[in-house]
Amino acid sequence: MTAGPVEVRLWRGGGVVHREICEDVTEAAVLVERWADFGITGVDIDDLVTHHRPDQVLEPDLEPESPEISVDPDEAYPRQ
């Protein structure tokens, strides 16, 4: 059982009709039951408490690659 906050998204007709942050999965279950009579066709529950080991965290790329772009002005704007 997940301890900690979860995000609940309730779906109907291909779109999200309600989104709520709940304290835990027990509260999320109560929320889903309250919405059950409204024709909900899907439920997503995401655990918002994620724990990473140090080797699972990516280092930021401090120098992003910038592509070399060269444009010939005669080709960029065709003449009529």
N, C-alpha and C. Protein backbone atom coordinates (compact mmCIF):
# COMPACT_ATOMS: atom_id res chain seq x y z
N MET A 1 0.85 -1.18 0.00
CA MET A 1 0.00 0.00 0.00
C MET A 1 0.89 1.25 0.00
N THR A 2 0.52 2.21 -0.79
CA THR A 2 1.30 3.44 -0.90
C THR A 2 1.03 4.35 0.28
N ALA A 3 2.09 4.79 0.93
CA ALA A 3 1.96 5.77 2.01
C ALA A 3 2.37 7.12 1.46
N GLY A 4 1.55 8.11 1.67
CA GLY A 4 1.87 9.43 1.16
C GLY A 4 0.90 9.86 0.09
N PRO A 5 1.07 11.07 -0.41
CA PRO A 5 0.11 11.64 -1.36
C PRO A 5 0.10 10.93 -2.71
N VAL A 6 -1.09 10.90 -3.31
CA VAL A 6 -1.27 10.36 -4.65
C VAL A 6 -2.10 11.35 -5.46
N GLU A 7 -1.90 11.33 -6.75
CA GLU A 7 -2.72 12.14 -7.66
C GLU A 7 -3.75 11.21 -8.29
N VAL A 8 -5.01 11.63 -8.28
CA VAL A 8 -6.09 10.84 -8.86
C VAL A 8 -6.65 11.61 -10.05
N ARG A 9 -6.76 10.91 -11.20
CA ARG A 9 -7.40 11.49 -12.38
C ARG A 9 -8.55 10.57 -12.78
N LEU A 10 -9.73 11.15 -12.89
CA LEU A 10 -10.92 10.40 -13.25
C LEU A 10 -11.29 10.73 -14.70
N TRP A 11 -11.53 9.69 -15.49
CA TRP A 11 -11.80 9.83 -16.92
C TRP A 11 -13.23 9.49 -17.26
N ARG A 12 -13.76 10.21 -18.25
CA ARG A 12 -15.07 9.90 -18.82
C ARG A 12 -15.08 10.43 -20.24
N GLY A 13 -15.52 9.62 -21.17
CA GLY A 13 -15.63 10.06 -22.55
C GLY A 13 -14.31 10.48 -23.18
N GLY A 14 -13.23 9.86 -22.80
CA GLY A 14 -11.93 10.17 -23.41
C GLY A 14 -11.21 11.35 -22.81
N GLY A 15 -11.75 11.96 -21.77
CA GLY A 15 -11.09 13.12 -21.17
C GLY A 15 -11.13 13.07 -19.65
N VAL A 16 -10.23 13.80 -19.03
CA VAL A 16 -10.19 13.89 -17.58
C VAL A 16 -11.30 14.82 -17.12
N VAL A 17 -12.17 14.32 -16.23
CA VAL A 17 -13.27 15.14 -15.72
C VAL A 17 -13.00 15.64 -14.30
N HIS A 18 -12.04 15.03 -13.63
CA HIS A 18 -11.70 15.49 -12.28
C HIS A 18 -10.28 15.06 -11.96
N ARG A 19 -9.56 15.95 -11.29
CA ARG A 19 -8.18 15.68 -10.86
C ARG A 19 -8.06 16.17 -9.43
N GLU A 20 -7.48 15.34 -8.56
CA GLU A 20 -7.37 15.72 -7.16
C GLU A 20 -6.15 15.05 -6.52
N ILE A 21 -5.52 15.77 -5.61
CA ILE A 21 -4.43 15.21 -4.81
C ILE A 21 -5.04 14.69 -3.51
N CYS A 22 -4.78 13.41 -3.20
CA CYS A 22 -5.29 12.79 -1.98
C CYS A 22 -4.11 12.47 -1.07
N GLU A 23 -4.38 12.43 0.23
CA GLU A 23 -3.33 12.16 1.22
C GLU A 23 -2.77 10.75 1.09
N ASP A 24 -3.61 9.78 0.69
CA ASP A 24 -3.16 8.40 0.57
C ASP A 24 -4.15 7.64 -0.31
N VAL A 25 -3.88 6.34 -0.52
CA VAL A 25 -4.75 5.56 -1.40
C VAL A 25 -6.12 5.30 -0.79
N THR A 26 -6.22 5.32 0.53
CA THR A 26 -7.52 5.15 1.17
C THR A 26 -8.43 6.32 0.83
N GLU A 27 -7.90 7.53 0.91
CA GLU A 27 -8.68 8.72 0.53
C GLU A 27 -9.00 8.69 -0.96
N ALA A 28 -8.06 8.19 -1.76
CA ALA A 28 -8.29 8.08 -3.21
C ALA A 28 -9.43 7.12 -3.50
N ALA A 29 -9.50 6.02 -2.77
CA ALA A 29 -10.58 5.05 -2.97
C ALA A 29 -11.93 5.66 -2.65
N VAL A 30 -12.00 6.45 -1.60
CA VAL A 30 -13.24 7.14 -1.23
C VAL A 30 -13.65 8.10 -2.34
N LEU A 31 -12.69 8.82 -2.89
CA LEU A 31 -12.96 9.76 -3.98
C LEU A 31 -13.53 9.03 -5.20
N VAL A 32 -12.92 7.91 -5.55
CA VAL A 32 -13.38 7.14 -6.72
C VAL A 32 -14.80 6.62 -6.48
N GLU A 33 -15.09 6.16 -5.27
CA GLU A 33 -16.45 5.70 -4.95
C GLU A 33 -17.47 6.81 -5.07
N ARG A 34 -17.10 8.03 -4.63
CA ARG A 34 -18.03 9.17 -4.74
C ARG A 34 -18.36 9.48 -6.19
N TRP A 35 -17.41 9.28 -7.10
CA TRP A 35 -17.60 9.59 -8.51
C TRP A 35 -18.15 8.42 -9.32
N ALA A 36 -18.28 7.25 -8.72
CA ALA A 36 -18.68 6.04 -9.46
C ALA A 36 -20.01 6.19 -10.17
N ASP A 37 -20.95 6.93 -9.60
CA ASP A 37 -22.29 7.08 -10.19
C ASP A 37 -22.33 8.08 -11.34
N PHE A 38 -21.21 8.70 -11.65
CA PHE A 38 -21.18 9.71 -12.72
C PHE A 38 -20.61 9.17 -14.02
N GLY A 39 -20.58 7.85 -14.18
CA GLY A 39 -20.16 7.25 -15.44
C GLY A 39 -18.67 7.32 -15.71
N ILE A 40 -17.87 7.24 -14.68
CA ILE A 40 -16.42 7.27 -14.84
C ILE A 40 -15.98 6.03 -15.60
N THR A 41 -15.17 6.22 -16.64
CA THR A 41 -14.71 5.09 -17.45
C THR A 41 -13.27 4.70 -17.17
N GLY A 42 -12.54 5.49 -16.41
CA GLY A 42 -11.16 5.16 -16.10
C GLY A 42 -10.64 5.97 -14.93
N VAL A 43 -9.65 5.40 -14.26
CA VAL A 43 -9.04 6.06 -13.11
C VAL A 43 -7.53 5.88 -13.20
N ASP A 44 -6.78 6.96 -13.04
CA ASP A 44 -5.32 6.89 -12.93
C ASP A 44 -4.96 7.35 -11.52
N ILE A 45 -4.11 6.59 -10.85
CA ILE A 45 -3.61 6.99 -9.53
C ILE A 45 -2.10 6.93 -9.58
N ASP A 46 -1.46 8.08 -9.38
CA ASP A 46 0.00 8.16 -9.41
C ASP A 46 0.55 8.47 -8.04
N ASP A 47 1.53 7.70 -7.62
CA ASP A 47 2.23 7.91 -6.36
C ASP A 47 3.10 9.16 -6.49
N LEU A 48 2.90 10.13 -5.63
CA LEU A 48 3.68 11.37 -5.68
C LEU A 48 4.91 11.32 -4.80
N VAL A 49 5.12 10.22 -4.10
CA VAL A 49 6.30 10.05 -3.26
C VAL A 49 7.24 9.11 -4.00
N THR A 50 8.22 9.67 -4.65
CA THR A 50 9.17 8.87 -5.40
C THR A 50 10.52 8.99 -4.74
N HIS A 51 11.11 7.87 -4.49
CA HIS A 51 12.43 7.84 -3.88
C HIS A 51 13.44 7.35 -4.91
N HIS A 52 14.53 8.08 -5.06
CA HIS A 52 15.59 7.71 -5.99
C HIS A 52 16.88 7.47 -5.24
N ARG A 53 17.60 6.47 -5.68
CA ARG A 53 18.95 6.30 -5.18
C ARG A 53 19.83 7.30 -5.92
N PRO A 54 20.95 7.69 -5.35
CA PRO A 54 21.83 8.67 -6.01
C PRO A 54 22.23 8.25 -7.43
N ASP A 55 22.39 6.96 -7.69
CA ASP A 55 22.79 6.52 -9.03
C ASP A 55 21.63 6.53 -10.03
N GLN A 56 20.41 6.82 -9.58
CA GLN A 56 19.26 6.89 -10.47
C GLN A 56 18.93 8.32 -10.91
N VAL A 57 19.60 9.29 -10.34
CA VAL A 57 19.32 10.69 -10.66
C VAL A 57 20.28 11.13 -11.76
N LEU A 58 19.74 11.69 -12.81
CA LEU A 58 20.57 12.14 -13.93
C LEU A 58 21.19 13.50 -13.63
N GLU A 59 22.43 13.64 -14.01
CA GLU A 59 23.10 14.93 -13.87
C GLU A 59 22.60 15.86 -14.96
N PRO A 60 22.37 17.12 -14.66
CA PRO A 60 21.91 18.05 -15.70
C PRO A 60 23.02 18.31 -16.72
N ASP A 61 22.62 18.47 -17.95
CA ASP A 61 23.55 18.80 -19.02
C ASP A 61 23.74 20.31 -18.99
N LEU A 62 24.89 20.75 -18.49
CA LEU A 62 25.12 22.18 -18.32
C LEU A 62 25.42 22.90 -19.63
N GLU A 63 25.89 22.18 -20.61
CA GLU A 63 26.20 22.78 -21.90
C GLU A 63 25.45 22.04 -22.99
N PRO A 64 24.19 22.42 -23.25
CA PRO A 64 23.44 21.72 -24.29
C PRO A 64 24.06 21.97 -25.66
N GLU A 65 23.92 20.96 -26.48
CA GLU A 65 24.45 21.08 -27.84
C GLU A 65 23.62 22.09 -28.62
N SER A 66 24.30 22.96 -29.33
CA SER A 66 23.60 23.89 -30.21
C SER A 66 23.94 23.50 -31.65
N PRO A 67 22.93 23.16 -32.41
CA PRO A 67 23.20 22.70 -33.78
C PRO A 67 23.72 23.85 -34.65
N GLU A 68 24.63 23.48 -35.51
CA GLU A 68 25.15 24.44 -36.47
C GLU A 68 24.16 24.54 -37.62
N ILE A 69 23.63 25.72 -37.83
CA ILE A 69 22.67 25.92 -38.92
C ILE A 69 23.22 27.00 -39.83
N SER A 70 23.37 26.62 -41.09
CA SER A 70 23.81 27.63 -42.06
C SER A 70 22.75 27.69 -43.16
N VAL A 71 22.33 28.88 -43.48
CA VAL A 71 21.28 29.08 -44.47
C VAL A 71 21.81 29.99 -45.55
N ASP A 72 21.65 29.54 -46.78
CA ASP A 72 22.00 30.37 -47.92
C ASP A 72 20.84 31.32 -48.15
N PRO A 73 21.06 32.65 -48.07
CA PRO A 73 19.96 33.60 -48.22
C PRO A 73 19.20 33.44 -49.53
N ASP A 74 19.87 32.99 -50.58
CA ASP A 74 19.19 32.83 -51.87
C ASP A 74 18.22 31.64 -51.83
N GLU A 75 18.52 30.65 -50.99
CA GLU A 75 17.64 29.49 -50.90
C GLU A 75 16.53 29.69 -49.86
N ALA A 76 16.77 30.55 -48.88
CA ALA A 76 15.79 30.75 -47.82
C ALA A 76 14.56 31.51 -48.32
N TYR A 77 14.75 32.43 -49.23
CA TYR A 77 13.64 33.24 -49.74
C TYR A 77 13.62 33.12 -51.26
N PRO A 78 12.81 32.22 -51.79
CA PRO A 78 12.79 32.05 -53.25
C PRO A 78 12.32 33.32 -53.97
N ARG A 79 12.91 33.56 -55.07
CA ARG A 79 12.53 34.74 -55.87
C ARG A 79 11.35 34.38 -56.75
N GLN A 80 10.53 35.39 -57.01
CA GLN A 80 9.36 35.16 -57.86
C GLN A 80 9.58 35.74 -59.20
